[in-house]
């Protein structure tokens, strides 16, 4: 499997096979983040959508979720579901 230097974990990890979304943003994520980082984001995203009852047909909800993705991938402070305990 191909490797990528993951900007989230600051080390070489397995690369994604395909961009996770269409367009330049998907290409940027594929080039800079590992499959592991993306899988963890998808898990967190699912928890956030469910806990906050987000309707993704609402533009502001999609915008907020995209901001949380950027914060998560850049290791900044992001929204965590209540009771969330990150795995170590």
PDB file of N, CA and C in Angstrom:
ATOM      1  N   UNK A   1       0.844  -1.183   0.000  1.00  0.00           N
ATOM      2  CA  UNK A   1       0.000   0.000   0.000  1.00  0.00           C
ATOM      3  C   UNK A   1       0.889   1.247   0.000  1.00  0.00           C
ATOM      4  N   UNK A   2       0.439   2.270  -0.704  1.00  0.00           N
ATOM      5  CA  UNK A   2       1.169   3.538  -0.750  1.00  0.00           C
ATOM      6  C   UNK A   2       1.146   4.207   0.615  1.00  0.00           C
ATOM      7  N   UNK A   3       2.155   5.014   0.856  1.00  0.00           N
ATOM      8  CA  UNK A   3       2.279   5.751   2.115  1.00  0.00           C
ATOM      9  C   UNK A   3       2.154   7.244   1.846  1.00  0.00           C
ATOM     10  N   UNK A   4       1.779   7.981   2.888  1.00  0.00           N
ATOM     11  CA  UNK A   4       1.694   9.430   2.829  1.00  0.00           C
ATOM     12  C   UNK A   4       2.179   9.955   4.178  1.00  0.00           C
ATOM     13  N   UNK A   5       2.824  11.121   4.164  1.00  0.00           N
ATOM     14  CA  UNK A   5       3.179  11.747   5.431  1.00  0.00           C
ATOM     15  C   UNK A   5       1.923  12.440   5.944  1.00  0.00           C
ATOM     16  N   UNK A   6       1.331  11.871   6.980  1.00  0.00           N
ATOM     17  CA  UNK A   6       0.062  12.350   7.516  1.00  0.00           C
ATOM     18  C   UNK A   6       0.286  13.605   8.351  1.00  0.00           C
ATOM     19  N   UNK A   7      -0.367  14.685   7.955  1.00  0.00           N
ATOM     20  CA  UNK A   7      -0.243  15.951   8.673  1.00  0.00           C
ATOM     21  C   UNK A   7      -0.890  15.898  10.057  1.00  0.00           C
ATOM     22  N   UNK A   8      -1.833  15.003  10.265  1.00  0.00           N
ATOM     23  CA  UNK A   8      -2.460  14.880  11.585  1.00  0.00           C
ATOM     24  C   UNK A   8      -1.527  14.167  12.552  1.00  0.00           C
ATOM     25  N   UNK A   9      -0.934  13.081  12.118  1.00  0.00           N
ATOM     26  CA  UNK A   9      -0.113  12.259  13.006  1.00  0.00           C
ATOM     27  C   UNK A   9       1.382  12.505  12.851  1.00  0.00           C
ATOM     28  N   UNK A  10       1.755  13.326  11.891  1.00  0.00           N
ATOM     29  CA  UNK A  10       3.157  13.708  11.669  1.00  0.00           C
ATOM     30  C   UNK A  10       4.073  12.498  11.479  1.00  0.00           C
ATOM     31  N   UNK A  11       3.562  11.530  10.707  1.00  0.00           N
ATOM     32  CA  UNK A  11       4.382  10.368  10.363  1.00  0.00           C
ATOM     33  C   UNK A  11       3.819   9.685   9.125  1.00  0.00           C
ATOM     34  N   UNK A  12       4.625   8.812   8.549  1.00  0.00           N
ATOM     35  CA  UNK A  12       4.215   8.058   7.357  1.00  0.00           C
ATOM     36  C   UNK A  12       3.192   6.999   7.746  1.00  0.00           C
ATOM     37  N   UNK A  13       2.062   7.041   7.066  1.00  0.00           N
ATOM     38  CA  UNK A  13       1.001   6.061   7.283  1.00  0.00           C
ATOM     39  C   UNK A  13       0.404   5.676   5.939  1.00  0.00           C
ATOM     40  N   UNK A  14      -0.466   4.676   5.958  1.00  0.00           N
ATOM     41  CA  UNK A  14      -1.118   4.233   4.723  1.00  0.00           C
ATOM     42  C   UNK A  14      -1.927   5.370   4.106  1.00  0.00           C
ATOM     43  N   UNK A  15      -1.741   5.536   2.808  1.00  0.00           N
ATOM     44  CA  UNK A  15      -2.452   6.579   2.061  1.00  0.00           C
ATOM     45  C   UNK A  15      -3.855   6.106   1.703  1.00  0.00           C
ATOM     46  N   UNK A  16      -4.719   7.051   1.390  1.00  0.00           N
ATOM     47  CA  UNK A  16      -6.050   6.728   0.888  1.00  0.00           C
ATOM     48  C   UNK A  16      -5.918   6.272  -0.562  1.00  0.00           C
ATOM     49  N   UNK A  17      -6.782   5.387  -0.973  1.00  0.00           N
ATOM     50  CA  UNK A  17      -6.767   4.924  -2.354  1.00  0.00           C
ATOM     51  C   UNK A  17      -7.381   5.958  -3.292  1.00  0.00           C
ATOM     52  N   UNK A  18      -8.393   6.689  -2.794  1.00  0.00           N
ATOM     53  CA  UNK A  18      -9.109   7.673  -3.603  1.00  0.00           C
ATOM     54  C   UNK A  18      -9.358   8.921  -2.759  1.00  0.00           C
ATOM     55  N   UNK A  19      -9.501  10.056  -3.400  1.00  0.00           N
ATOM     56  CA  UNK A  19      -9.871  11.256  -2.641  1.00  0.00           C
ATOM     57  C   UNK A  19     -11.197  11.007  -1.912  1.00  0.00           C
ATOM     58  N   UNK A  20     -11.331  11.486  -0.686  1.00  0.00           N
ATOM     59  CA  UNK A  20     -12.547  11.207   0.087  1.00  0.00           C
ATOM     60  C   UNK A  20     -13.752  12.034  -0.339  1.00  0.00           C
ATOM     61  N   UNK A  21     -13.530  13.035  -1.193  1.00  0.00           N
ATOM     62  CA  UNK A  21     -14.624  13.854  -1.716  1.00  0.00           C
ATOM     63  C   UNK A  21     -14.182  14.414  -3.057  1.00  0.00           C
ATOM     64  N   UNK A  22     -15.099  14.836  -3.892  1.00  0.00           N
ATOM     65  CA  UNK A  22     -14.707  15.372  -5.196  1.00  0.00           C
ATOM     66  C   UNK A  22     -14.057  16.750  -5.084  1.00  0.00           C
ATOM     67  N   UNK A  23     -13.309  17.102  -6.101  1.00  0.00           N
ATOM     68  CA  UNK A  23     -12.756  18.446  -6.194  1.00  0.00           C
ATOM     69  C   UNK A  23     -11.407  18.618  -5.530  1.00  0.00           C
ATOM     70  N   UNK A  24     -10.917  19.854  -5.527  1.00  0.00           N
ATOM     71  CA  UNK A  24      -9.592  20.164  -4.985  1.00  0.00           C
ATOM     72  C   UNK A  24      -9.454  19.823  -3.498  1.00  0.00           C
ATOM     73  N   UNK A  25     -10.523  20.015  -2.712  1.00  0.00           N
ATOM     74  CA  UNK A  25     -10.448  19.702  -1.279  1.00  0.00           C
ATOM     75  C   UNK A  25     -10.197  18.214  -1.071  1.00  0.00           C
ATOM     76  N   UNK A  26     -10.845  17.373  -1.830  1.00  0.00           N
ATOM     77  CA  UNK A  26     -10.627  15.931  -1.731  1.00  0.00           C
ATOM     78  C   UNK A  26      -9.207  15.549  -2.095  1.00  0.00           C
ATOM     79  N   UNK A  27      -8.677  16.169  -3.151  1.00  0.00           N
ATOM     80  CA  UNK A  27      -7.291  15.910  -3.552  1.00  0.00           C
ATOM     81  C   UNK A  27      -6.320  16.351  -2.467  1.00  0.00           C
ATOM     82  N   UNK A  28      -6.581  17.514  -1.876  1.00  0.00           N
ATOM     83  CA  UNK A  28      -5.708  18.031  -0.814  1.00  0.00           C
ATOM     84  C   UNK A  28      -5.706  17.088   0.394  1.00  0.00           C
ATOM     85  N   UNK A  29      -6.883  16.612   0.770  1.00  0.00           N
ATOM     86  CA  UNK A  29      -6.974  15.689   1.905  1.00  0.00           C
ATOM     87  C   UNK A  29      -6.227  14.400   1.591  1.00  0.00           C
ATOM     88  N   UNK A  30      -6.413  13.859   0.404  1.00  0.00           N
ATOM     89  CA  UNK A  30      -5.738  12.612   0.019  1.00  0.00           C
ATOM     90  C   UNK A  30      -4.227  12.757   0.048  1.00  0.00           C
ATOM     91  N   UNK A  31      -3.717  13.905  -0.366  1.00  0.00           N
ATOM     92  CA  UNK A  31      -2.272  14.117  -0.437  1.00  0.00           C
ATOM     93  C   UNK A  31      -1.637  14.382   0.928  1.00  0.00           C
ATOM     94  N   UNK A  32      -2.429  14.828   1.911  1.00  0.00           N
ATOM     95  CA  UNK A  32      -1.862  15.274   3.184  1.00  0.00           C
ATOM     96  C   UNK A  32      -2.278  14.480   4.417  1.00  0.00           C
ATOM     97  N   UNK A  33      -3.226  13.564   4.244  1.00  0.00           N
ATOM     98  CA  UNK A  33      -3.716  12.836   5.409  1.00  0.00           C
ATOM     99  C   UNK A  33      -3.837  11.346   5.104  1.00  0.00           C
ATOM    100  N   UNK A  34      -3.662  10.546   6.135  1.00  0.00           N
ATOM    101  CA  UNK A  34      -3.694   9.092   6.004  1.00  0.00           C
ATOM    102  C   UNK A  34      -5.123   8.555   6.025  1.00  0.00           C
ATOM    103  N   UNK A  35      -5.229   7.304   5.628  1.00  0.00           N
ATOM    104  CA  UNK A  35      -6.521   6.616   5.718  1.00  0.00           C
ATOM    105  C   UNK A  35      -6.960   6.534   7.168  1.00  0.00           C
ATOM    106  N   UNK A  36      -6.010   6.313   8.074  1.00  0.00           N
ATOM    107  CA  UNK A  36      -6.319   6.245   9.509  1.00  0.00           C
ATOM    108  C   UNK A  36      -6.953   7.545   9.982  1.00  0.00           C
ATOM    109  N   UNK A  37      -6.371   8.693   9.644  1.00  0.00           N
ATOM    110  CA  UNK A  37      -6.918   9.985  10.057  1.00  0.00           C
ATOM    111  C   UNK A  37      -8.321  10.168   9.489  1.00  0.00           C
ATOM    112  N   UNK A  38      -8.511   9.798   8.229  1.00  0.00           N
ATOM    113  CA  UNK A  38      -9.819   9.970   7.610  1.00  0.00           C
ATOM    114  C   UNK A  38     -10.861   9.059   8.248  1.00  0.00           C
ATOM    115  N   UNK A  39     -10.488   7.814   8.516  1.00  0.00           N
ATOM    116  CA  UNK A  39     -11.420   6.885   9.159  1.00  0.00           C
ATOM    117  C   UNK A  39     -11.839   7.402  10.537  1.00  0.00           C
ATOM    118  N   UNK A  40     -10.887   7.970  11.276  1.00  0.00           N
ATOM    119  CA  UNK A  40     -11.214   8.521  12.586  1.00  0.00           C
ATOM    120  C   UNK A  40     -12.132   9.730  12.455  1.00  0.00           C
ATOM    121  N   UNK A  41     -11.908  10.551  11.420  1.00  0.00           N
ATOM    122  CA  UNK A  41     -12.805  11.682  11.206  1.00  0.00           C
ATOM    123  C   UNK A  41     -14.219  11.192  10.893  1.00  0.00           C
ATOM    124  N   UNK A  42     -14.349  10.201  10.042  1.00  0.00           N
ATOM    125  CA  UNK A  42     -15.678   9.686   9.671  1.00  0.00           C
ATOM    126  C   UNK A  42     -16.413   9.185  10.909  1.00  0.00           C
ATOM    127  N   UNK A  43     -15.708   8.514  11.804  1.00  0.00           N
ATOM    128  CA  UNK A  43     -16.323   8.033  13.036  1.00  0.00           C
ATOM    129  C   UNK A  43     -16.794   9.199  13.906  1.00  0.00           C
ATOM    130  N   UNK A  44     -15.934  10.199  14.066  1.00  0.00           N
ATOM    131  CA  UNK A  44     -16.298  11.375  14.852  1.00  0.00           C
ATOM    132  C   UNK A  44     -17.446  12.139  14.190  1.00  0.00           C
ATOM    133  N   UNK A  45     -17.377  12.282  12.878  1.00  0.00           N
ATOM    134  CA  UNK A  45     -18.427  12.977  12.140  1.00  0.00           C
ATOM    135  C   UNK A  45     -19.780  12.324  12.377  1.00  0.00           C
ATOM    136  N   UNK A  46     -19.815  11.017  12.338  1.00  0.00           N
ATOM    137  CA  UNK A  46     -21.060  10.286  12.553  1.00  0.00           C
ATOM    138  C   UNK A  46     -21.617  10.560  13.944  1.00  0.00           C
ATOM    139  N   UNK A  47     -20.724  10.555  14.942  1.00  0.00           N
ATOM    140  CA  UNK A  47     -21.175  10.850  16.310  1.00  0.00           C
ATOM    141  C   UNK A  47     -21.723  12.276  16.410  1.00  0.00           C
ATOM    142  N   UNK A  48     -21.041  13.238  15.790  1.00  0.00           N
ATOM    143  CA  UNK A  48     -21.491  14.634  15.850  1.00  0.00           C
ATOM    144  C   UNK A  48     -22.844  14.808  15.164  1.00  0.00           C
ATOM    145  N   UNK A  49     -23.005  14.203  13.995  1.00  0.00           N
ATOM    146  CA  UNK A  49     -24.277  14.301  13.263  1.00  0.00           C
ATOM    147  C   UNK A  49     -25.408  13.719  14.107  1.00  0.00           C
ATOM    148  N   UNK A  50     -25.176  12.561  14.697  1.00  0.00           N
ATOM    149  CA  UNK A  50     -26.226  11.904  15.475  1.00  0.00           C
ATOM    150  C   UNK A  50     -26.540  12.655  16.757  1.00  0.00           C
ATOM    151  N   UNK A  51     -25.497  13.049  17.496  1.00  0.00           N
ATOM    152  CA  UNK A  51     -25.728  13.702  18.778  1.00  0.00           C
ATOM    153  C   UNK A  51     -26.394  15.072  18.625  1.00  0.00           C
ATOM    154  N   UNK A  52     -25.982  15.807  17.608  1.00  0.00           N
ATOM    155  CA  UNK A  52     -26.512  17.156  17.416  1.00  0.00           C
ATOM    156  C   UNK A  52     -27.737  17.173  16.498  1.00  0.00           C
ATOM    157  N   UNK A  53     -28.149  15.981  16.042  1.00  0.00           N
ATOM    158  CA  UNK A  53     -29.321  15.860  15.163  1.00  0.00           C
ATOM    159  C   UNK A  53     -29.184  16.809  13.966  1.00  0.00           C
ATOM    160  N   UNK A  54     -28.023  16.779  13.336  1.00  0.00           N
ATOM    161  CA  UNK A  54     -27.753  17.689  12.221  1.00  0.00           C
ATOM    162  C   UNK A  54     -28.515  17.269  10.972  1.00  0.00           C
ATOM    163  N   UNK A  55     -29.165  18.214  10.365  1.00  0.00           N
ATOM    164  CA  UNK A  55     -29.827  18.021   9.080  1.00  0.00           C
ATOM    165  C   UNK A  55     -28.847  18.538   8.026  1.00  0.00           C
ATOM    166  N   UNK A  56     -28.245  17.629   7.280  1.00  0.00           N
ATOM    167  CA  UNK A  56     -27.211  18.022   6.326  1.00  0.00           C
ATOM    168  C   UNK A  56     -27.776  18.681   5.068  1.00  0.00           C
ATOM    169  N   UNK A  57     -29.092  18.814   4.998  1.00  0.00           N
ATOM    170  CA  UNK A  57     -29.656  19.597   3.898  1.00  0.00           C
ATOM    171  C   UNK A  57     -29.626  21.091   4.232  1.00  0.00           C
ATOM    172  N   UNK A  58     -29.251  21.412   5.473  1.00  0.00           N
ATOM    173  CA  UNK A  58     -29.134  22.805   5.917  1.00  0.00           C
ATOM    174  C   UNK A  58     -27.689  23.259   5.730  1.00  0.00           C
ATOM    175  N   UNK A  59     -27.516  24.312   4.936  1.00  0.00           N
ATOM    176  CA  UNK A  59     -26.178  24.789   4.576  1.00  0.00           C
ATOM    177  C   UNK A  59     -25.326  25.111   5.801  1.00  0.00           C
ATOM    178  N   UNK A  60     -25.876  25.757   6.819  1.00  0.00           N
ATOM    179  CA  UNK A  60     -25.109  26.103   8.015  1.00  0.00           C
ATOM    180  C   UNK A  60     -24.604  24.860   8.750  1.00  0.00           C
ATOM    181  N   UNK A  61     -25.378  23.785   8.748  1.00  0.00           N
ATOM    182  CA  UNK A  61     -24.943  22.542   9.381  1.00  0.00           C
ATOM    183  C   UNK A  61     -23.763  21.929   8.626  1.00  0.00           C
ATOM    184  N   UNK A  62     -23.837  21.952   7.297  1.00  0.00           N
ATOM    185  CA  UNK A  62     -22.728  21.427   6.497  1.00  0.00           C
ATOM    186  C   UNK A  62     -21.477  22.269   6.692  1.00  0.00           C
ATOM    187  N   UNK A  63     -21.657  23.583   6.759  1.00  0.00           N
ATOM    188  CA  UNK A  63     -20.531  24.485   6.968  1.00  0.00           C
ATOM    189  C   UNK A  63     -19.873  24.208   8.319  1.00  0.00           C
ATOM    190  N   UNK A  64     -20.672  24.068   9.370  1.00  0.00           N
ATOM    191  CA  UNK A  64     -20.155  23.790  10.702  1.00  0.00           C
ATOM    192  C   UNK A  64     -19.396  22.460  10.726  1.00  0.00           C
ATOM    193  N   UNK A  65     -19.965  21.438  10.098  1.00  0.00           N
ATOM    194  CA  UNK A  65     -19.328  20.125  10.069  1.00  0.00           C
ATOM    195  C   UNK A  65     -18.006  20.190   9.304  1.00  0.00           C
ATOM    196  N   UNK A  66     -17.953  20.931   8.224  1.00  0.00           N
ATOM    197  CA  UNK A  66     -16.716  21.105   7.459  1.00  0.00           C
ATOM    198  C   UNK A  66     -15.651  21.810   8.308  1.00  0.00           C
ATOM    199  N   UNK A  67     -16.073  22.808   9.086  1.00  0.00           N
ATOM    200  CA  UNK A  67     -15.137  23.488   9.986  1.00  0.00           C
ATOM    201  C   UNK A  67     -14.586  22.519  11.025  1.00  0.00           C
ATOM    202  N   UNK A  68     -15.446  21.664  11.550  1.00  0.00           N
ATOM    203  CA  UNK A  68     -14.997  20.677  12.536  1.00  0.00           C
ATOM    204  C   UNK A  68     -14.005  19.690  11.913  1.00  0.00           C
ATOM    205  N   UNK A  69     -14.248  19.314  10.663  1.00  0.00           N
ATOM    206  CA  UNK A  69     -13.314  18.429   9.962  1.00  0.00           C
ATOM    207  C   UNK A  69     -11.940  19.092   9.860  1.00  0.00           C
ATOM    208  N   UNK A  70     -11.916  20.349   9.447  1.00  0.00           N
ATOM    209  CA  UNK A  70     -10.639  21.058   9.313  1.00  0.00           C
ATOM    210  C   UNK A  70      -9.922  21.161  10.655  1.00  0.00           C
ATOM    211  N   UNK A  71     -10.667  21.444  11.721  1.00  0.00           N
ATOM    212  CA  UNK A  71     -10.066  21.523  13.056  1.00  0.00           C
ATOM    213  C   UNK A  71      -9.522  20.164  13.493  1.00  0.00           C
ATOM    214  N   UNK A  72     -10.298  19.106  13.275  1.00  0.00           N
ATOM    215  CA  UNK A  72      -9.871  17.759  13.644  1.00  0.00           C
ATOM    216  C   UNK A  72      -8.588  17.370  12.914  1.00  0.00           C
ATOM    217  N   UNK A  73      -8.573  17.575  11.610  1.00  0.00           N
ATOM    218  CA  UNK A  73      -7.402  17.161  10.827  1.00  0.00           C
ATOM    219  C   UNK A  73      -6.165  17.992  11.149  1.00  0.00           C
ATOM    220  N   UNK A  74      -6.357  19.225  11.575  1.00  0.00           N
ATOM    221  CA  UNK A  74      -5.207  20.084  11.875  1.00  0.00           C
ATOM    222  C   UNK A  74      -4.819  20.047  13.353  1.00  0.00           C
ATOM    223  N   UNK A  75      -5.415  19.137  14.114  1.00  0.00           N
ATOM    224  CA  UNK A  75      -5.109  18.975  15.540  1.00  0.00           C
ATOM    225  C   UNK A  75      -5.447  20.202  16.372  1.00  0.00           C
ATOM    226  N   UNK A  76      -6.403  20.992  15.904  1.00  0.00           N
ATOM    227  CA  UNK A  76      -6.883  22.138  16.676  1.00  0.00           C
ATOM    228  C   UNK A  76      -8.033  21.659  17.576  1.00  0.00           C
ATOM    229  N   UNK A  77      -8.538  22.547  18.388  1.00  0.00           N
ATOM    230  CA  UNK A  77      -9.645  22.206  19.285  1.00  0.00           C
ATOM    231  C   UNK A  77     -10.932  22.068  18.473  1.00  0.00           C
ATOM    232  N   UNK A  78     -11.524  20.891  18.485  1.00  0.00           N
ATOM    233  CA  UNK A  78     -12.743  20.616  17.725  1.00  0.00           C
ATOM    234  C   UNK A  78     -13.839  20.154  18.680  1.00  0.00           C
ATOM    235  N   UNK A  79     -15.071  20.194  18.227  1.00  0.00           N
ATOM    236  CA  UNK A  79     -16.227  19.768  19.014  1.00  0.00           C
ATOM    237  C   UNK A  79     -16.157  18.264  19.253  1.00  0.00           C
ATOM    238  N   UNK A  80     -16.387  17.875  20.495  1.00  0.00           N
ATOM    239  CA  UNK A  80     -16.394  16.456  20.837  1.00  0.00           C
ATOM    240  C   UNK A  80     -17.784  16.090  21.355  1.00  0.00           C
ATOM    241  N   UNK A  81     -18.263  14.922  20.992  1.00  0.00           N
ATOM    242  CA  UNK A  81     -19.554  14.493  21.517  1.00  0.00           C
ATOM    243  C   UNK A  81     -19.482  14.389  23.039  1.00  0.00           C
ATOM    244  N   UNK A  82     -20.589  14.622  23.734  1.00  0.00           N
ATOM    245  CA  UNK A  82     -20.571  14.506  25.188  1.00  0.00           C
ATOM    246  C   UNK A  82     -20.262  13.053  25.557  1.00  0.00           C
ATOM    247  N   UNK A  83     -19.425  12.905  26.545  1.00  0.00           N
ATOM    248  CA  UNK A  83     -19.027  11.580  26.973  1.00  0.00           C
ATOM    249  C   UNK A  83     -17.950  10.957  26.102  1.00  0.00           C
ATOM    250  N   UNK A  84     -17.444  11.711  25.108  1.00  0.00           N
ATOM    251  CA  UNK A  84     -16.436  11.189  24.189  1.00  0.00           C
ATOM    252  C   UNK A  84     -15.101  11.059  24.905  1.00  0.00           C
ATOM    253  N   UNK A  85     -14.517   9.875  24.831  1.00  0.00           N
ATOM    254  CA  UNK A  85     -13.174   9.638  25.382  1.00  0.00           C
ATOM    255  C   UNK A  85     -12.330   9.122  24.240  1.00  0.00           C
ATOM    256  N   UNK A  86     -11.348   9.954  23.760  1.00  0.00           N
ATOM    257  CA  UNK A  86     -10.530   9.501  22.630  1.00  0.00           C
ATOM    258  C   UNK A  86      -9.696   8.289  22.988  1.00  0.00           C
ATOM    259  N   UNK A  87      -9.505   7.407  22.009  1.00  0.00           N
ATOM    260  CA  UNK A  87      -8.665   6.233  22.207  1.00  0.00           C
ATOM    261  C   UNK A  87      -7.213   6.672  22.222  1.00  0.00           C
ATOM    262  N   UNK A  88      -6.436   6.035  23.082  1.00  0.00           N
ATOM    263  CA  UNK A  88      -5.004   6.398  23.120  1.00  0.00           C
ATOM    264  C   UNK A  88      -4.145   5.369  22.439  1.00  0.00           C
TER     265      UNK A  88
END
